[in-house]
PDB file of all heavy atoms in Angstrom:
ATOM      1  N   SER A   1     -72.121  68.236   9.485  1.00  0.00           N
ATOM      2  CA  SER A   1     -71.786  67.369  10.618  1.00  0.00           C
ATOM      3  C   SER A   1     -72.947  67.309  11.594  1.00  0.00           C
ATOM      4  O   SER A   1     -73.795  68.205  11.627  1.00  0.00           O
ATOM      5  CB  SER A   1     -70.538  67.893  11.334  1.00  0.00           C
ATOM      6  OG  SER A   1     -69.488  68.134  10.410  1.00  0.00           O
ATOM      7  N   PHE A   2     -72.958  66.260  12.399  1.00  0.00           N
ATOM      8  CA  PHE A   2     -74.044  66.114  13.368  1.00  0.00           C
ATOM      9  C   PHE A   2     -73.616  65.230  14.530  1.00  0.00           C
ATOM     10  O   PHE A   2     -72.533  64.633  14.528  1.00  0.00           O
ATOM     11  CB  PHE A   2     -75.286  65.533  12.689  1.00  0.00           C
ATOM     12  CG  PHE A   2     -75.213  64.049  12.383  1.00  0.00           C
ATOM     13  CD1 PHE A   2     -75.944  63.140  13.120  1.00  0.00           C
ATOM     14  CD2 PHE A   2     -74.419  63.568  11.335  1.00  0.00           C
ATOM     15  CE1 PHE A   2     -75.900  61.780  12.832  1.00  0.00           C
ATOM     16  CE2 PHE A   2     -74.367  62.221  11.044  1.00  0.00           C
ATOM     17  CZ  PHE A   2     -75.103  61.316  11.797  1.00  0.00           C
ATOM     18  N   THR A   3     -74.486  65.131  15.524  1.00  0.00           N
ATOM     19  CA  THR A   3     -74.294  64.208  16.631  1.00  0.00           C
ATOM     20  C   THR A   3     -75.637  63.589  16.973  1.00  0.00           C
ATOM     21  O   THR A   3     -76.692  64.068  16.526  1.00  0.00           O
ATOM     22  CB  THR A   3     -73.684  64.908  17.861  1.00  0.00           C
ATOM     23  OG1 THR A   3     -73.309  63.920  18.822  1.00  0.00           O
ATOM     24  CG2 THR A   3     -74.671  65.880  18.502  1.00  0.00           C
ATOM     25  N   ALA A   4     -75.617  62.512  17.760  1.00  0.00           N
ATOM     26  CA  ALA A   4     -76.846  61.833  18.180  1.00  0.00           C
ATOM     27  C   ALA A   4     -76.702  61.393  19.624  1.00  0.00           C
ATOM     28  O   ALA A   4     -75.630  60.951  20.044  1.00  0.00           O
ATOM     29  CB  ALA A   4     -77.131  60.631  17.287  1.00  0.00           C
ATOM     30  N   SER A   5     -77.783  61.515  20.379  1.00  0.00           N
ATOM     31  CA  SER A   5     -77.739  61.135  21.786  1.00  0.00           C
ATOM     32  C   SER A   5     -79.152  60.861  22.273  1.00  0.00           C
ATOM     33  O   SER A   5     -80.093  60.741  21.477  1.00  0.00           O
ATOM     34  CB  SER A   5     -77.071  62.248  22.607  1.00  0.00           C
ATOM     35  OG  SER A   5     -76.836  61.818  23.936  1.00  0.00           O
ATOM     36  N   ALA A   6     -79.319  60.775  23.602  1.00  0.00           N
ATOM     37  CA  ALA A   6     -80.628  60.649  24.235  1.00  0.00           C
ATOM     38  C   ALA A   6     -80.734  61.727  25.307  1.00  0.00           C
ATOM     39  O   ALA A   6     -79.820  62.537  25.474  1.00  0.00           O
ATOM     40  CB  ALA A   6     -80.801  59.255  24.825  1.00  0.00           C
ATOM     41  N   GLY A   7     -81.835  61.746  26.044  1.00  0.00           N
ATOM     42  CA  GLY A   7     -82.111  62.804  26.996  1.00  0.00           C
ATOM     43  C   GLY A   7     -80.955  63.238  27.885  1.00  0.00           C
ATOM     44  O   GLY A   7     -80.603  64.433  27.918  1.00  0.00           O
ATOM     45  N   PRO A   8     -80.319  62.316  28.620  1.00  0.00           N
ATOM     46  CA  PRO A   8     -79.204  62.719  29.492  1.00  0.00           C
ATOM     47  C   PRO A   8     -78.057  63.376  28.728  1.00  0.00           C
ATOM     48  O   PRO A   8     -77.452  64.339  29.205  1.00  0.00           O
ATOM     49  CB  PRO A   8     -78.766  61.390  30.118  1.00  0.00           C
ATOM     50  CG  PRO A   8     -79.977  60.530  30.070  1.00  0.00           C
ATOM     51  CD  PRO A   8     -80.673  60.897  28.805  1.00  0.00           C
ATOM     52  N   GLY A   9     -77.743  62.864  27.541  1.00  0.00           N
ATOM     53  CA  GLY A   9     -76.685  63.453  26.728  1.00  0.00           C
ATOM     54  C   GLY A   9     -77.047  64.828  26.222  1.00  0.00           C
ATOM     55  O   GLY A   9     -76.208  65.733  26.149  1.00  0.00           O
ATOM     56  N   LEU A  10     -78.343  65.005  25.860  1.00  0.00           N
ATOM     57  CA  LEU A  10     -78.792  66.316  25.390  1.00  0.00           C
ATOM     58  C   LEU A  10     -78.706  67.362  26.498  1.00  0.00           C
ATOM     59  O   LEU A  10     -78.435  68.534  26.237  1.00  0.00           O
ATOM     60  CB  LEU A  10     -80.226  66.229  24.855  1.00  0.00           C
ATOM     61  CG  LEU A  10     -80.402  66.004  23.353  1.00  0.00           C
ATOM     62  CD1 LEU A  10     -79.983  67.230  22.570  1.00  0.00           C
ATOM     63  CD2 LEU A  10     -79.647  64.782  22.862  1.00  0.00           C
ATOM     64  N   SER A  11     -78.924  66.937  27.742  1.00  0.00           N
ATOM     65  CA  SER A  11     -78.778  67.877  28.863  1.00  0.00           C
ATOM     66  C   SER A  11     -77.359  68.426  28.910  1.00  0.00           C
ATOM     67  O   SER A  11     -77.147  69.619  29.150  1.00  0.00           O
ATOM     68  CB  SER A  11     -79.113  67.172  30.185  1.00  0.00           C
ATOM     69  OG  SER A  11     -80.453  66.724  30.190  1.00  0.00           O
ATOM     70  N   LEU A  12     -76.380  67.568  28.668  1.00  0.00           N
ATOM     71  CA  LEU A  12     -74.987  67.999  28.683  1.00  0.00           C
ATOM     72  C   LEU A  12     -74.657  68.898  27.494  1.00  0.00           C
ATOM     73  O   LEU A  12     -73.735  69.713  27.560  1.00  0.00           O
ATOM     74  CB  LEU A  12     -74.062  66.779  28.673  1.00  0.00           C
ATOM     75  CG  LEU A  12     -74.108  65.872  29.909  1.00  0.00           C
ATOM     76  CD1 LEU A  12     -73.281  64.623  29.671  1.00  0.00           C
ATOM     77  CD2 LEU A  12     -73.621  66.607  31.138  1.00  0.00           C
ATOM     78  N   MET A  13     -75.407  68.758  26.412  1.00  0.00           N
ATOM     79  CA  MET A  13     -75.106  69.521  25.193  1.00  0.00           C
ATOM     80  C   MET A  13     -75.710  70.923  25.177  1.00  0.00           C
ATOM     81  O   MET A  13     -75.461  71.683  24.242  1.00  0.00           O
ATOM     82  CB  MET A  13     -75.637  68.761  23.967  1.00  0.00           C
ATOM     83  CG  MET A  13     -74.924  67.466  23.658  1.00  0.00           C
ATOM     84  SD  MET A  13     -75.656  66.726  22.175  1.00  0.00           S
ATOM     85  CE  MET A  13     -74.797  65.144  22.152  1.00  0.00           C
ATOM     86  N   MET A  14     -76.508  71.282  26.161  1.00  0.00           N
ATOM     87  CA  MET A  14     -77.283  72.520  26.074  1.00  0.00           C
ATOM     88  C   MET A  14     -76.420  73.766  25.858  1.00  0.00           C
ATOM     89  O   MET A  14     -76.782  74.657  25.091  1.00  0.00           O
ATOM     90  CB  MET A  14     -78.162  72.683  27.309  1.00  0.00           C
ATOM     91  CG  MET A  14     -79.437  71.871  27.237  1.00  0.00           C
ATOM     92  SD  MET A  14     -80.404  72.271  25.753  1.00  0.00           S
ATOM     93  CE  MET A  14     -81.479  70.848  25.683  1.00  0.00           C
ATOM     94  N   GLU A  15     -75.278  73.851  26.530  1.00  0.00           N
ATOM     95  CA  GLU A  15     -74.430  75.023  26.343  1.00  0.00           C
ATOM     96  C   GLU A  15     -73.894  75.081  24.916  1.00  0.00           C
ATOM     97  O   GLU A  15     -73.819  76.152  24.297  1.00  0.00           O
ATOM     98  CB  GLU A  15     -73.277  75.025  27.337  1.00  0.00           C
ATOM     99  CG  GLU A  15     -72.467  76.311  27.305  1.00  0.00           C
ATOM    100  CD  GLU A  15     -71.355  76.346  28.348  1.00  0.00           C
ATOM    101  OE1 GLU A  15     -71.105  75.312  28.999  1.00  0.00           O
ATOM    102  OE2 GLU A  15     -70.730  77.411  28.489  1.00  0.00           O
ATOM    103  N   ALA A  16     -73.542  73.899  24.382  1.00  0.00           N
ATOM    104  CA  ALA A  16     -73.037  73.847  23.007  1.00  0.00           C
ATOM    105  C   ALA A  16     -74.128  74.207  22.007  1.00  0.00           C
ATOM    106  O   ALA A  16     -73.875  74.888  21.007  1.00  0.00           O
ATOM    107  CB  ALA A  16     -72.479  72.459  22.707  1.00  0.00           C
ATOM    108  N   ILE A  17     -75.352  73.755  22.258  1.00  0.00           N
ATOM    109  CA  ILE A  17     -76.465  74.117  21.370  1.00  0.00           C
ATOM    110  C   ILE A  17     -76.653  75.632  21.384  1.00  0.00           C
ATOM    111  O   ILE A  17     -76.914  76.261  20.357  1.00  0.00           O
ATOM    112  CB  ILE A  17     -77.748  73.375  21.787  1.00  0.00           C
ATOM    113  CG1 ILE A  17     -77.596  71.871  21.513  1.00  0.00           C
ATOM    114  CG2 ILE A  17     -78.966  73.918  21.028  1.00  0.00           C
ATOM    115  CD1 ILE A  17     -78.717  71.016  22.063  1.00  0.00           C
ATOM    116  N   GLY A  18     -76.498  76.238  22.558  1.00  0.00           N
ATOM    117  CA  GLY A  18     -76.553  77.695  22.648  1.00  0.00           C
ATOM    118  C   GLY A  18     -75.447  78.356  21.857  1.00  0.00           C
ATOM    119  O   GLY A  18     -75.646  79.401  21.222  1.00  0.00           O
ATOM    120  N   LEU A  19     -74.251  77.746  21.873  1.00  0.00           N
ATOM    121  CA  LEU A  19     -73.118  78.268  21.088  1.00  0.00           C
ATOM    122  C   LEU A  19     -73.454  78.261  19.598  1.00  0.00           C
ATOM    123  O   LEU A  19     -73.173  79.222  18.879  1.00  0.00           O
ATOM    124  CB  LEU A  19     -71.867  77.441  21.361  1.00  0.00           C
ATOM    125  CG  LEU A  19     -70.632  77.752  20.508  1.00  0.00           C
ATOM    126  CD1 LEU A  19     -70.106  79.154  20.822  1.00  0.00           C
ATOM    127  CD2 LEU A  19     -69.543  76.708  20.740  1.00  0.00           C
ATOM    128  N   SER A  20     -74.062  77.151  19.139  1.00  0.00           N
ATOM    129  CA  SER A  20     -74.467  77.056  17.732  1.00  0.00           C
ATOM    130  C   SER A  20     -75.425  78.185  17.372  1.00  0.00           C
ATOM    131  O   SER A  20     -75.282  78.834  16.331  1.00  0.00           O
ATOM    132  CB  SER A  20     -75.126  75.696  17.472  1.00  0.00           C
ATOM    133  OG  SER A  20     -75.831  75.688  16.248  1.00  0.00           O
ATOM    134  N   GLY A  21     -76.408  78.432  18.247  1.00  0.00           N
ATOM    135  CA  GLY A  21     -77.375  79.490  17.975  1.00  0.00           C
ATOM    136  C   GLY A  21     -76.755  80.872  18.028  1.00  0.00           C
ATOM    137  O   GLY A  21     -77.029  81.724  17.171  1.00  0.00           O
ATOM    138  N   MET A  22     -75.890  81.114  19.025  1.00  0.00           N
ATOM    139  CA  MET A  22     -75.288  82.435  19.198  1.00  0.00           C
ATOM    140  C   MET A  22     -74.357  82.794  18.044  1.00  0.00           C
ATOM    141  O   MET A  22     -74.324  83.928  17.569  1.00  0.00           O
ATOM    142  CB  MET A  22     -74.510  82.485  20.515  1.00  0.00           C
ATOM    143  CG  MET A  22     -73.912  83.847  20.858  1.00  0.00           C
ATOM    144  SD  MET A  22     -72.954  83.811  22.374  1.00  0.00           S
ATOM    145  CE  MET A  22     -71.502  82.897  21.858  1.00  0.00           C
ATOM    146  N   THR A  23     -73.600  81.793  17.555  1.00  0.00           N
ATOM    147  CA  THR A  23     -72.630  82.043  16.485  1.00  0.00           C
ATOM    148  C   THR A  23     -73.215  81.815  15.096  1.00  0.00           C
ATOM    149  O   THR A  23     -72.505  81.928  14.093  1.00  0.00           O
ATOM    150  CB  THR A  23     -71.405  81.124  16.659  1.00  0.00           C
ATOM    151  OG1 THR A  23     -71.835  79.754  16.636  1.00  0.00           O
ATOM    152  CG2 THR A  23     -70.693  81.414  17.973  1.00  0.00           C
ATOM    153  N   GLU A  24     -74.513  81.438  15.056  1.00  0.00           N
ATOM    154  CA  GLU A  24     -75.192  81.159  13.787  1.00  0.00           C
ATOM    155  C   GLU A  24     -74.435  80.119  12.966  1.00  0.00           C
ATOM    156  O   GLU A  24     -74.156  80.296  11.778  1.00  0.00           O
ATOM    157  CB  GLU A  24     -75.394  82.460  12.982  1.00  0.00           C
ATOM    158  CG  GLU A  24     -76.248  83.476  13.717  1.00  0.00           C
ATOM    159  CD  GLU A  24     -76.517  84.734  12.914  1.00  0.00           C
ATOM    160  OE1 GLU A  24     -76.179  84.764  11.717  1.00  0.00           O
ATOM    161  OE2 GLU A  24     -77.073  85.681  13.478  1.00  0.00           O
ATOM    162  N   THR A  25     -74.114  79.012  13.652  1.00  0.00           N
ATOM    163  CA  THR A  25     -73.430  77.882  13.015  1.00  0.00           C
ATOM    164  C   THR A  25     -74.410  76.723  12.866  1.00  0.00           C
ATOM    165  O   THR A  25     -75.027  76.313  13.854  1.00  0.00           O
ATOM    166  CB  THR A  25     -72.229  77.420  13.868  1.00  0.00           C
ATOM    167  OG1 THR A  25     -71.376  78.532  14.111  1.00  0.00           O
ATOM    168  CG2 THR A  25     -71.458  76.310  13.161  1.00  0.00           C
ATOM    169  N   PRO A  26     -74.577  76.157  11.673  1.00  0.00           N
ATOM    170  CA  PRO A  26     -75.485  75.021  11.494  1.00  0.00           C
ATOM    171  C   PRO A  26     -75.082  73.851  12.394  1.00  0.00           C
ATOM    172  O   PRO A  26     -73.881  73.579  12.564  1.00  0.00           O
ATOM    173  CB  PRO A  26     -75.320  74.656  10.019  1.00  0.00           C
ATOM    174  CG  PRO A  26     -74.720  75.854   9.372  1.00  0.00           C
ATOM    175  CD  PRO A  26     -73.898  76.537  10.413  1.00  0.00           C
ATOM    176  N   PHE A  27     -76.058  73.157  12.940  1.00  0.00           N
ATOM    177  CA  PHE A  27     -75.750  72.043  13.839  1.00  0.00           C
ATOM    178  C   PHE A  27     -76.982  71.152  13.944  1.00  0.00           C
ATOM    179  O   PHE A  27     -78.027  71.587  14.410  1.00  0.00           O
ATOM    180  CB  PHE A  27     -75.358  72.588  15.211  1.00  0.00           C
ATOM    181  CG  PHE A  27     -75.035  71.536  16.243  1.00  0.00           C
ATOM    182  CD1 PHE A  27     -74.370  70.368  15.903  1.00  0.00           C
ATOM    183  CD2 PHE A  27     -75.397  71.730  17.576  1.00  0.00           C
ATOM    184  CE1 PHE A  27     -74.065  69.408  16.860  1.00  0.00           C
ATOM    185  CE2 PHE A  27     -75.094  70.783  18.539  1.00  0.00           C
ATOM    186  CZ  PHE A  27     -74.428  69.621  18.188  1.00  0.00           C
ATOM    187  N   VAL A  28     -76.875  69.899  13.482  1.00  0.00           N
ATOM    188  CA  VAL A  28     -77.982  68.934  13.566  1.00  0.00           C
ATOM    189  C   VAL A  28     -77.742  68.000  14.744  1.00  0.00           C
ATOM    190  O   VAL A  28     -76.663  67.416  14.880  1.00  0.00           O
ATOM    191  CB  VAL A  28     -78.130  68.130  12.254  1.00  0.00           C
ATOM    192  CG1 VAL A  28     -79.181  67.033  12.417  1.00  0.00           C
ATOM    193  CG2 VAL A  28     -78.511  69.062  11.107  1.00  0.00           C
ATOM    194  N   VAL A  29     -78.751  67.874  15.600  1.00  0.00           N
ATOM    195  CA  VAL A  29     -78.679  67.018  16.784  1.00  0.00           C
ATOM    196  C   VAL A  29     -79.857  66.044  16.751  1.00  0.00           C
ATOM    197  O   VAL A  29     -80.994  66.458  16.524  1.00  0.00           O
ATOM    198  CB  VAL A  29     -78.757  67.837  18.086  1.00  0.00           C
ATOM    199  CG1 VAL A  29     -78.527  66.943  19.290  1.00  0.00           C
ATOM    200  CG2 VAL A  29     -77.765  68.985  18.072  1.00  0.00           C
ATOM    201  N   ILE A  30     -79.592  64.764  16.990  1.00  0.00           N
ATOM    202  CA  ILE A  30     -80.658  63.766  17.038  1.00  0.00           C
ATOM    203  C   ILE A  30     -80.861  63.341  18.481  1.00  0.00           C
ATOM    204  O   ILE A  30     -79.913  62.916  19.156  1.00  0.00           O
ATOM    205  CB  ILE A  30     -80.322  62.540  16.168  1.00  0.00           C
ATOM    206  CG1 ILE A  30     -80.226  62.972  14.699  1.00  0.00           C
ATOM    207  CG2 ILE A  30     -81.383  61.464  16.309  1.00  0.00           C
ATOM    208  CD1 ILE A  30     -79.259  62.172  13.892  1.00  0.00           C
ATOM    209  N   ASN A  31     -82.088  63.461  18.974  1.00  0.00           N
ATOM    210  CA  ASN A  31     -82.427  63.047  20.335  1.00  0.00           C
ATOM    211  C   ASN A  31     -83.362  61.853  20.277  1.00  0.00           C
ATOM    212  O   ASN A  31     -84.535  61.984  19.928  1.00  0.00           O
ATOM    213  CB  ASN A  31     -83.082  64.199  21.094  1.00  0.00           C
ATOM    214  CG  ASN A  31     -83.494  63.799  22.517  1.00  0.00           C
ATOM    215  OD1 ASN A  31     -83.138  62.727  22.997  1.00  0.00           O
ATOM    216  ND2 ASN A  31     -84.229  64.666  23.188  1.00  0.00           N
ATOM    217  N   THR A  32     -82.853  60.673  20.607  1.00  0.00           N
ATOM    218  CA  THR A  32     -83.674  59.465  20.670  1.00  0.00           C
ATOM    219  C   THR A  32     -84.185  59.359  22.108  1.00  0.00           C
ATOM    220  O   THR A  32     -83.528  58.767  22.964  1.00  0.00           O
ATOM    221  CB  THR A  32     -82.856  58.219  20.280  1.00  0.00           C
ATOM    222  OG1 THR A  32     -81.741  58.104  21.165  1.00  0.00           O
ATOM    223  CG2 THR A  32     -82.338  58.324  18.863  1.00  0.00           C
ATOM    224  N   GLN A  33     -85.356  59.905  22.362  1.00  0.00           N
ATOM    225  CA  GLN A  33     -85.875  59.996  23.725  1.00  0.00           C
ATOM    226  C   GLN A  33     -86.019  58.625  24.389  1.00  0.00           C
ATOM    227  O   GLN A  33     -86.402  57.655  23.739  1.00  0.00           O
ATOM    228  CB  GLN A  33     -87.238  60.685  23.716  1.00  0.00           C
ATOM    229  CG  GLN A  33     -87.232  62.083  23.175  1.00  0.00           C
ATOM    230  CD  GLN A  33     -88.641  62.590  22.993  1.00  0.00           C
ATOM    231  OE1 GLN A  33     -89.205  63.229  23.870  1.00  0.00           O
ATOM    232  NE2 GLN A  33     -89.229  62.307  21.842  1.00  0.00           N
ATOM    233  N   ARG A  34     -85.743  58.594  25.695  1.00  0.00           N
ATOM    234  CA  ARG A  34     -85.927  57.384  26.495  1.00  0.00           C
ATOM    235  C   ARG A  34     -86.552  57.781  27.827  1.00  0.00           C
ATOM    236  O   ARG A  34     -86.843  58.939  28.072  1.00  0.00           O
ATOM    237  CB  ARG A  34     -84.594  56.680  26.704  1.00  0.00           C
ATOM    238  CG  ARG A  34     -83.621  57.450  27.588  1.00  0.00           C
ATOM    239  CD  ARG A  34     -82.253  56.810  27.592  1.00  0.00           C
ATOM    240  NE  ARG A  34     -81.492  57.126  28.803  1.00  0.00           N
ATOM    241  CZ  ARG A  34     -80.244  56.744  29.016  1.00  0.00           C
ATOM    242  NH1 ARG A  34     -79.611  56.048  28.091  1.00  0.00           N
ATOM    243  NH2 ARG A  34     -79.622  57.043  30.134  1.00  0.00           N
ATOM    244  N   GLY A  35     -86.755  56.796  28.714  1.00  0.00           N
ATOM    245  CA  GLY A  35     -87.368  57.075  30.000  1.00  0.00           C
ATOM    246  C   GLY A  35     -86.485  57.930  30.890  1.00  0.00           C
ATOM    247  O   GLY A  35     -85.259  57.848  30.837  1.00  0.00           O
ATOM    248  N   GLY A  36     -87.091  58.742  31.722  1.00  0.00           N
ATOM    249  CA  GLY A  36     -86.347  59.607  32.626  1.00  0.00           C
ATOM    250  C   GLY A  36     -87.086  59.703  33.944  1.00  0.00           C
ATOM    251  O   GLY A  36     -88.023  58.953  34.188  1.00  0.00           O
ATOM    252  N   PRO A  37     -86.694  60.639  34.811  1.00  0.00           N
ATOM    253  CA  PRO A  37     -85.655  61.666  34.631  1.00  0.00           C
ATOM    254  C   PRO A  37     -84.247  61.156  34.933  1.00  0.00           C
ATOM    255  O   PRO A  37     -84.076  59.968  35.201  1.00  0.00           O
ATOM    256  CB  PRO A  37     -86.066  62.738  35.645  1.00  0.00           C
ATOM    257  CG  PRO A  37     -86.715  61.959  36.738  1.00  0.00           C
ATOM    258  CD  PRO A  37     -87.415  60.799  36.069  1.00  0.00           C
ATOM    259  N   SER A  38     -83.270  62.072  34.899  1.00  0.00           N
ATOM    260  CA  SER A  38     -81.858  61.787  35.151  1.00  0.00           C
ATOM    261  C   SER A  38     -81.359  60.731  34.181  1.00  0.00           C
ATOM    262  O   SER A  38     -81.681  60.753  33.005  1.00  0.00           O
ATOM    263  CB  SER A  38     -81.645  61.362  36.607  1.00  0.00           C
ATOM    264  OG  SER A  38     -80.271  61.257  36.895  1.00  0.00           O
ATOM    265  N   THR A  39     -80.549  59.764  34.647  1.00  0.00           N
ATOM    266  CA  THR A  39     -80.051  58.726  33.740  1.00  0.00           C
ATOM    267  C   THR A  39     -81.187  57.828  33.283  1.00  0.00           C
ATOM    268  O   THR A  39     -81.109  57.182  32.262  1.00  0.00           O
ATOM    269  CB  THR A  39     -78.971  57.875  34.429  1.00  0.00           C
ATOM    270  OG1 THR A  39     -79.496  57.389  35.671  1.00  0.00           O
ATOM    271  CG2 THR A  39     -77.735  58.710  34.694  1.00  0.00           C
TER     272      THR A  39
END
């Protein structure tokens, strides 16, 4: 399974990405970078 987002969405996912690493659960995330900062 996977998800896809851009910079602002990835900011919201950071705790979940940490959960994936801490629990050693595979997790693919796609970040389609766009202009920033913030929204």
